[in-house]
Amino acid sequence: MQDRAESESVTHPHRIKIDPGSKTTGIAVVQEKTGRVTSAFEISHRGQQVKDSLESRRSLRRGRRNRKTRYRKPRFLNRTRKNGWLPPSLESRIANIETWVRRIRKLCPVTTISQELVRFDLQHIQNPEINGVEYQRGELFGFEVKEYLLAKWERKCAYCGVKNVPFEIEHIIARSKGGSNRVSNLCLSCHSCNQAKGNKPVEEFLKKKPEVLKRVLAQAKAPLKDAAAVNATRWELYRRLQSTGLPVEVGSGGRTKFNRKTKGIEKTHWTDAACVGTSTPKKLLLNGIKPLSVKAKGHGKRQRCGTNKFGFPIRHAPRKKFFMGFQTGDLVEANVLTGKYAGAYRGRIAIRFKPSFKLTTGSQKFDVHPKYLKTIHRADGYEYAF
């Protein structure tokens, strides 16, 4: 019986497919032979939160240095950066992806990784003729520009704000009036607004909507911050995925969208990940897959001194991180026997260095004694939901 069981067991090779994003990254695990998606993840990053915290720390330090005006020799050229250095806000995004690739490999026989290496080809978008017409007239013609505009204009009409309709690429300054094909002159428009505008100047078309006109003109020239963040990290992420020792396939954002459109798959972060690269099978099996939503929360604050609204210190963070076997962020079950909150609960705790922890369960927050708590999942810097 044992020999028969061993002969019938089959281990299918799997591929991790990654669609990196500035705010959310999609990951799909696909069986190589069958094309079945076995699991999916959507990881929400905290890059902007990291940036805001660093800027707050910088302002506090500068204020302290200005108050303490003792003489100090100026420091120049004494800080070196290693190869591959990225700002902490971008580094956190790569670290999150590395963590989940490592976790998936522990549970699944992964043989290959696919990464969307170029989400937006900004140079070709600004100047479509830079490498000749062959680049634009291929099978993926227009997909890079459309994907860029969909993200920039938040998938809604620039003029009326309607969503979930077929969009057309609209020239803010019409070609017949001297407008160009540069991305700063392009926006998304629904069919009715596109027809109503025609070749009118945008100032005339929106003269009764001055607020909309101001927004359109400002947004047309605004840089796409999230696209820049993805482009800044793509090669470092590729290098780190290569360091796993697995073959790494790459594909563009245009190829991802082309695969998804031709297969008629609804757009989400994890379905985009499943469509990354030329290795995408002709038929993807997505039935019954519900992605795990993962939100990066960090491992606590670095700020040791708490201040009031005027900036004066009012408390200091304790040195200990654990108390009575618990730490802030642990997912616990609470079985409260007596009192106002008697009952069974599940939620996350914030520890205090006394036997009275704060338990958060949805909309409720109340104090509970640690003796009523049982740990379900240790805090690991992430929050999970289906």
Protein backbone atom coordinates (compact mmCIF):
# COMPACT_ATOMS: atom_id res chain seq x y z
CA MET A 1 0.00 0.00 0.00
CA GLN A 2 2.82 2.39 0.81
CA ASP A 3 4.55 1.78 -2.55
CA ARG A 4 1.26 2.34 -4.37
CA ALA A 5 0.63 5.64 -2.57
CA GLU A 6 4.13 6.85 -3.34
CA SER A 7 3.81 5.95 -7.03
CA GLU A 8 0.45 7.80 -7.37
CA SER A 9 1.52 11.00 -5.60
CA VAL A 10 2.47 13.76 -8.03
CA THR A 11 4.11 17.08 -7.21
CA HIS A 12 3.15 19.75 -9.71
CA PRO A 13 5.62 22.59 -10.32
CA HIS A 14 4.22 26.02 -9.55
CA ARG A 15 5.04 29.54 -10.71
CA ILE A 16 4.83 32.69 -8.58
CA LYS A 17 3.52 35.59 -10.67
CA ILE A 18 3.94 39.13 -9.35
CA ASP A 19 2.29 42.37 -10.42
CA PRO A 20 4.19 45.03 -8.41
CA GLY A 21 2.34 48.19 -7.49
CA SER A 22 3.02 51.35 -5.58
CA LYS A 23 0.11 50.91 -3.16
CA THR A 24 -0.95 47.30 -3.75
CA THR A 25 0.94 44.32 -5.19
CA GLY A 26 -0.86 41.31 -6.60
CA ILE A 27 0.62 37.79 -6.35
CA ALA A 28 -0.80 34.63 -7.91
CA VAL A 29 0.49 31.06 -7.62
CA VAL A 30 -0.19 29.10 -10.82
CA GLN A 31 0.30 25.41 -11.61
CA GLU A 32 2.58 25.14 -14.63
CA LYS A 33 0.88 22.26 -16.44
CA THR A 34 -2.81 22.82 -15.69
CA GLY A 35 -2.93 26.65 -15.59
CA ARG A 36 -4.91 26.52 -12.35
CA VAL A 37 -4.44 29.39 -9.91
CA THR A 38 -4.01 27.70 -6.53
CA SER A 39 -3.78 30.81 -4.33
CA ALA A 40 -3.71 34.59 -4.62
CA PHE A 41 -2.64 37.51 -2.47
CA GLU A 42 -3.12 41.28 -2.54
CA ILE A 43 -0.48 43.05 -0.44
CA SER A 44 -1.15 46.65 0.61
CA HIS A 45 2.09 48.57 1.17
CA ARG A 46 2.78 51.32 3.69
CA GLY A 47 5.32 53.33 1.67
CA GLN A 48 3.52 56.66 2.10
CA GLN A 49 3.22 56.08 5.84
CA VAL A 50 6.95 55.40 6.05
CA LYS A 51 7.66 58.59 4.10
CA ASP A 52 5.41 60.67 6.37
CA SER A 53 7.03 59.24 9.51
CA LEU A 54 10.53 60.00 8.23
CA GLU A 55 9.56 63.55 7.33
CA SER A 56 8.09 64.04 10.81
CA ARG A 57 11.28 62.73 12.40
CA ARG A 58 13.39 64.99 10.19
CA SER A 59 11.42 68.09 11.20
CA LEU A 60 11.75 67.22 14.90
CA ARG A 61 15.50 66.72 14.57
CA ARG A 62 15.96 69.96 12.69
CA GLY A 63 14.01 71.85 15.32
CA ARG A 64 16.13 70.33 18.09
CA ARG A 65 19.37 71.19 16.32
CA ASN A 66 18.26 74.78 15.77
CA ARG A 67 17.43 75.15 19.46
CA LYS A 68 20.78 73.72 20.55
CA THR A 69 23.15 76.01 18.70
CA ARG A 70 26.41 74.70 20.10
CA TYR A 71 29.31 74.61 17.68
CA ARG A 72 29.66 71.44 15.70
CA LYS A 73 31.89 70.76 12.76
CA PRO A 74 29.94 70.41 9.51
CA ARG A 75 29.57 66.89 8.17
CA PHE A 76 30.08 66.41 4.47
CA LEU A 77 30.70 63.37 2.30
CA ASN A 78 30.77 61.02 5.27
CA ARG A 79 27.67 59.04 4.40
CA THR A 80 28.01 56.29 1.83
CA ARG A 81 25.27 54.24 0.21
CA LYS A 82 25.55 50.65 -0.86
CA ASN A 83 24.69 49.50 -4.35
CA GLY A 84 20.95 49.03 -4.72
CA TRP A 85 20.10 51.56 -2.00
CA LEU A 86 16.53 52.83 -2.13
CA PRO A 87 14.62 55.30 0.05
CA PRO A 88 12.94 53.52 3.00
CA SER A 89 9.48 54.17 1.56
CA LEU A 90 10.45 52.23 -1.60
CA GLU A 91 12.54 49.65 0.25
CA SER A 92 9.50 48.67 2.33
CA ARG A 93 7.60 47.72 -0.83
CA ILE A 94 10.37 45.40 -2.00
CA ALA A 95 10.77 43.91 1.49
CA ASN A 96 7.05 43.03 1.59
CA ILE A 97 7.27 41.18 -1.74
CA GLU A 98 10.45 39.37 -0.67
CA THR A 99 8.76 38.24 2.55
CA TRP A 100 5.79 36.72 0.78
CA VAL A 101 7.82 35.05 -1.94
CA ARG A 102 9.85 33.41 0.81
CA ARG A 103 6.72 32.30 2.69
CA ILE A 104 5.09 30.86 -0.44
CA ARG A 105 8.23 28.89 -1.30
CA LYS A 106 8.12 27.21 2.12
CA LEU A 107 4.62 25.87 1.45
CA CYS A 108 4.64 25.25 -2.31
CA PRO A 109 7.04 23.63 -4.85
CA VAL A 110 7.90 26.79 -6.77
CA THR A 111 10.16 26.39 -9.82
CA THR A 112 9.85 29.77 -11.58
CA ILE A 113 8.97 33.39 -10.89
CA SER A 114 7.27 35.85 -13.27
CA GLN A 115 7.51 39.59 -12.66
CA GLU A 116 5.92 42.54 -14.40
CA LEU A 117 9.15 44.44 -14.90
CA VAL A 118 7.91 47.52 -16.76
CA ARG A 119 4.51 48.82 -15.79
CA PHE A 120 4.78 52.15 -17.62
CA ASP A 121 7.32 52.90 -20.31
CA LEU A 122 7.35 56.64 -19.61
CA GLN A 123 9.96 57.47 -22.25
CA HIS A 124 7.98 55.82 -25.03
CA ILE A 125 4.79 57.39 -23.78
CA GLN A 126 6.32 60.87 -23.99
CA ASN A 127 7.92 60.20 -27.38
CA PRO A 128 6.29 57.28 -29.22
CA GLU A 129 8.75 57.46 -32.15
CA ILE A 130 11.90 57.08 -30.07
CA ASN A 131 12.66 53.53 -31.24
CA GLY A 132 10.84 53.54 -34.52
CA VAL A 133 7.34 52.69 -35.58
CA GLU A 134 7.86 48.92 -35.14
CA TYR A 135 7.68 49.28 -31.34
CA GLN A 136 4.27 50.94 -31.53
CA ARG A 137 2.75 48.95 -34.35
CA GLY A 138 3.30 45.53 -32.81
CA GLU A 139 0.70 43.29 -31.22
CA LEU A 140 0.73 45.40 -28.02
CA PHE A 141 0.29 48.78 -29.75
CA GLY A 142 -1.40 51.32 -27.47
CA PHE A 143 -1.65 49.14 -24.38
CA GLU A 144 1.14 50.96 -22.48
CA VAL A 145 -0.41 54.40 -23.12
CA LYS A 146 -3.91 53.21 -22.21
CA GLU A 147 -2.72 51.61 -18.98
CA TYR A 148 -0.89 54.79 -18.04
CA LEU A 149 -3.96 56.95 -18.69
CA LEU A 150 -6.30 54.59 -16.84
CA ALA A 151 -4.14 54.86 -13.74
CA LYS A 152 -3.50 58.60 -14.08
CA TRP A 153 -7.18 59.54 -14.52
CA GLU A 154 -8.36 56.95 -11.94
CA ARG A 155 -10.45 55.00 -14.45
CA LYS A 156 -13.12 57.69 -14.86
CA CYS A 157 -14.06 60.31 -17.43
CA ALA A 158 -12.03 63.48 -17.00
CA TYR A 159 -15.04 65.68 -17.85
CA CYS A 160 -18.10 64.09 -16.20
CA GLY A 161 -16.49 61.59 -13.78
CA VAL A 162 -18.48 58.55 -14.93
CA LYS A 163 -16.94 55.14 -14.16
CA ASN A 164 -17.27 51.57 -15.48
CA VAL A 165 -17.95 52.53 -19.10
CA PRO A 166 -15.82 52.12 -22.24
CA PHE A 167 -13.34 55.00 -22.38
CA GLU A 168 -11.78 56.77 -25.34
CA ILE A 169 -8.43 58.56 -25.46
CA GLU A 170 -9.21 62.27 -25.75
CA HIS A 171 -6.90 65.07 -26.89
CA ILE A 172 -7.33 68.02 -24.51
CA ILE A 173 -6.11 70.31 -27.28
CA ALA A 174 -7.51 68.83 -30.49
CA ARG A 175 -5.10 67.63 -33.16
CA SER A 176 -6.81 69.96 -35.66
CA LYS A 177 -5.97 72.88 -33.35
CA GLY A 178 -2.29 72.01 -33.06
CA GLY A 179 -2.45 69.52 -30.18
CA SER A 180 0.15 66.75 -29.90
CA ASN A 181 0.10 63.08 -28.94
CA ARG A 182 2.19 63.70 -25.82
CA VAL A 183 0.71 62.15 -22.70
CA SER A 184 0.34 65.59 -21.09
CA ASN A 185 -2.24 66.36 -23.81
CA LEU A 186 -4.20 63.11 -23.37
CA CYS A 187 -6.98 62.17 -20.99
CA LEU A 188 -9.80 59.64 -20.70
CA SER A 189 -13.29 60.50 -21.86
CA CYS A 190 -16.59 58.67 -22.21
CA HIS A 191 -18.09 58.53 -25.70
CA SER A 192 -20.74 61.21 -25.08
CA CYS A 193 -18.27 63.76 -23.66
CA ASN A 194 -15.80 63.02 -26.46
CA GLN A 195 -18.47 63.66 -29.09
CA ALA A 196 -19.77 66.77 -27.33
CA LYS A 197 -16.31 68.32 -27.06
CA GLY A 198 -15.21 67.58 -30.63
CA ASN A 199 -12.39 69.97 -31.48
CA LYS A 200 -13.55 72.76 -29.17
CA PRO A 201 -10.96 74.32 -26.85
CA VAL A 202 -11.28 72.74 -23.43
CA GLU A 203 -11.80 76.22 -21.90
CA GLU A 204 -14.89 76.70 -24.08
CA PHE A 205 -16.22 73.18 -23.48
CA LEU A 206 -15.93 73.53 -19.67
CA LYS A 207 -16.69 77.25 -19.33
CA LYS A 208 -19.71 76.44 -17.14
CA LYS A 209 -17.62 74.10 -14.99
CA PRO A 210 -14.62 76.16 -13.83
CA GLU A 211 -13.71 73.73 -11.05
CA VAL A 212 -13.61 70.79 -13.49
CA LEU A 213 -11.52 72.84 -15.94
CA LYS A 214 -9.00 73.73 -13.24
CA ARG A 215 -8.73 70.07 -12.18
CA VAL A 216 -8.32 68.75 -15.73
CA LEU A 217 -5.57 71.24 -16.61
CA ALA A 218 -3.72 70.55 -13.35
CA GLN A 219 -4.03 66.77 -13.56
CA ALA A 220 -2.95 66.68 -17.22
CA LYS A 221 0.50 68.01 -16.36
CA ALA A 222 0.85 66.33 -12.97
CA PRO A 223 3.42 63.50 -12.81
CA LEU A 224 2.17 60.05 -11.93
CA LYS A 225 3.79 59.47 -8.56
CA ASP A 226 2.80 55.82 -8.23
CA ALA A 227 4.13 54.97 -11.71
CA ALA A 228 7.43 56.62 -10.81
CA ALA A 229 7.65 54.55 -7.62
CA VAL A 230 7.11 51.30 -9.55
CA ASN A 231 9.69 52.26 -12.15
CA ALA A 232 12.22 53.20 -9.47
CA THR A 233 12.01 49.78 -7.79
CA ARG A 234 11.55 47.43 -10.74
CA TRP A 235 15.20 46.57 -11.36
CA GLU A 236 16.11 46.16 -7.69
CA LEU A 237 13.13 43.85 -7.21
CA TYR A 238 14.24 41.86 -10.27
CA ARG A 239 17.77 41.54 -8.87
CA ARG A 240 16.51 40.29 -5.52
CA LEU A 241 14.17 37.78 -7.12
CA GLN A 242 17.11 36.48 -9.14
CA SER A 243 19.06 36.02 -5.90
CA THR A 244 16.56 33.29 -4.93
CA GLY A 245 18.24 31.05 -7.53
CA LEU A 246 15.00 30.54 -9.49
CA PRO A 247 14.54 31.54 -13.16
CA VAL A 248 12.78 34.92 -13.39
CA GLU A 249 10.56 35.72 -16.37
CA VAL A 250 9.69 39.36 -17.04
CA GLY A 251 6.91 41.05 -18.98
CA SER A 252 5.57 44.54 -19.56
CA GLY A 253 2.36 46.07 -18.28
CA GLY A 254 1.06 46.12 -21.83
CA ARG A 255 1.57 42.35 -22.13
CA THR A 256 -0.28 41.81 -18.83
CA LYS A 257 -3.27 43.82 -19.96
CA PHE A 258 -3.26 42.15 -23.39
CA ASN A 259 -3.36 38.69 -21.78
CA ARG A 260 -6.17 39.71 -19.43
CA LYS A 261 -8.27 41.34 -22.16
CA THR A 262 -7.95 38.46 -24.61
CA LYS A 263 -9.03 36.00 -21.89
CA GLY A 264 -11.94 38.18 -20.74
CA ILE A 265 -10.78 38.30 -17.12
CA GLU A 266 -12.00 41.03 -14.78
CA LYS A 267 -9.29 43.41 -13.59
CA THR A 268 -8.03 43.05 -10.03
CA HIS A 269 -4.52 43.09 -8.62
CA TRP A 270 -4.28 39.30 -8.31
CA THR A 271 -5.81 38.58 -11.74
CA ASP A 272 -3.31 41.00 -13.28
CA ALA A 273 -0.57 39.00 -11.55
CA ALA A 274 -1.96 35.75 -13.01
CA CYS A 275 -1.66 37.28 -16.51
CA VAL A 276 1.96 38.47 -16.23
CA GLY A 277 4.40 37.37 -18.94
CA THR A 278 4.35 35.23 -22.07
CA SER A 279 4.19 32.06 -19.94
CA THR A 280 0.49 32.74 -19.26
CA PRO A 281 -1.39 29.65 -20.48
CA LYS A 282 -4.16 29.90 -23.05
CA LYS A 283 -6.70 29.00 -20.37
CA LEU A 284 -6.43 30.19 -16.77
CA LEU A 285 -8.55 28.40 -14.17
CA LEU A 286 -9.64 31.00 -11.60
CA ASN A 287 -12.80 29.38 -10.23
CA GLY A 288 -13.21 29.47 -6.46
CA ILE A 289 -10.15 31.61 -5.78
CA LYS A 290 -10.59 34.26 -3.10
CA PRO A 291 -7.45 36.34 -2.54
CA LEU A 292 -5.97 36.86 0.89
CA SER A 293 -5.78 40.60 1.60
CA VAL A 294 -2.53 41.41 3.38
CA LYS A 295 -1.94 44.87 4.81
CA ALA A 296 1.54 45.88 5.96
CA LYS A 297 1.34 47.42 9.44
CA GLY A 298 4.96 47.62 10.52
CA HIS A 299 6.52 46.40 13.76
CA GLY A 300 5.90 49.40 15.98
CA LYS A 301 7.03 53.00 16.22
CA ARG A 302 10.60 54.19 16.39
CA GLN A 303 9.53 57.37 18.17
CA ARG A 304 10.49 56.98 21.83
CA CYS A 305 8.93 60.20 23.10
CA GLY A 306 5.25 61.02 22.77
CA THR A 307 4.22 64.66 22.56
CA ASN A 308 1.05 66.66 22.93
CA LYS A 309 -0.38 68.83 20.16
CA PHE A 310 2.05 71.62 21.07
CA GLY A 311 5.12 69.38 20.75
CA PHE A 312 5.92 69.07 24.47
CA PRO A 313 6.90 65.57 25.74
CA ILE A 314 4.22 63.85 27.80
CA ARG A 315 5.27 60.18 27.81
CA HIS A 316 8.07 57.84 26.84
CA ALA A 317 7.77 54.45 25.18
CA PRO A 318 8.81 51.51 27.40
CA ARG A 319 11.83 49.42 26.51
CA LYS A 320 10.00 46.11 26.74
CA LYS A 321 7.96 44.88 23.80
CA PHE A 322 6.34 41.83 25.45
CA PHE A 323 4.32 41.56 28.65
CA MET A 324 2.87 38.37 30.09
CA GLY A 325 3.59 36.58 26.82
CA PHE A 326 1.69 39.05 24.60
CA GLN A 327 2.68 41.94 22.35
CA THR A 328 0.72 44.69 20.63
CA GLY A 329 -0.91 43.45 17.42
CA ASP A 330 -1.42 39.82 18.48
CA LEU A 331 -4.65 38.28 17.19
CA VAL A 332 -6.38 36.69 20.19
CA GLU A 333 -9.54 34.99 21.34
CA ALA A 334 -11.07 36.40 24.50
CA ASN A 335 -13.50 34.46 26.67
CA VAL A 336 -14.69 37.02 29.21
CA LEU A 337 -16.67 35.31 31.97
CA THR A 338 -18.16 38.19 33.94
CA GLY A 339 -18.85 41.90 33.72
CA LYS A 340 -20.29 44.27 31.13
CA TYR A 341 -18.42 42.64 28.23
CA ALA A 342 -19.03 39.00 29.14
CA GLY A 343 -18.86 36.78 26.09
CA ALA A 344 -16.54 35.38 23.42
CA TYR A 345 -14.56 37.78 21.20
CA ARG A 346 -11.84 37.74 18.58
CA GLY A 347 -9.63 40.70 17.78
CA ARG A 348 -6.25 42.39 18.22
CA ILE A 349 -4.77 43.64 21.45
CA ALA A 350 -2.68 46.60 22.49
CA ILE A 351 -0.66 45.73 25.58
CA ARG A 352 -0.20 47.85 28.66
CA PHE A 353 2.38 47.04 31.29
CA LYS A 354 -0.30 46.11 33.76
CA PRO A 355 -2.93 43.33 33.62
CA SER A 356 -5.36 45.37 31.55
CA PHE A 357 -4.99 45.13 27.77
CA LYS A 358 -7.07 46.96 25.16
CA LEU A 359 -8.93 44.59 22.85
CA THR A 360 -10.24 45.83 19.47
CA THR A 361 -12.95 43.78 17.77
CA GLY A 362 -14.45 45.57 14.80
CA SER A 363 -16.19 48.66 16.19
CA GLN A 364 -15.71 47.68 19.85
CA LYS A 365 -12.79 48.62 22.09
CA PHE A 366 -12.61 47.63 25.72
CA ASP A 367 -10.17 46.53 28.43
CA VAL A 368 -9.66 42.86 29.18
CA HIS A 369 -7.46 40.91 31.61
CA PRO A 370 -4.75 38.75 29.97
CA LYS A 371 -6.01 35.64 31.80
CA TYR A 372 -9.02 35.62 29.44
CA LEU A 373 -6.88 35.74 26.30
CA LYS A 374 -5.58 33.01 24.02
CA THR A 375 -3.20 33.81 21.16
CA ILE A 376 -4.35 32.80 17.69
CA HIS A 377 -1.67 34.50 15.61
CA ARG A 378 1.44 36.36 16.69
CA ALA A 379 1.91 39.87 15.37
CA ASP A 380 4.20 39.67 12.32
CA GLY A 381 3.80 43.16 10.86
CA TYR A 382 0.80 42.27 8.66
CA GLU A 383 -2.97 42.33 8.97
CA TYR A 384 -5.04 39.71 7.15
CA ALA A 385 -8.58 39.59 5.74
CA PHE A 386 -10.55 37.65 3.11
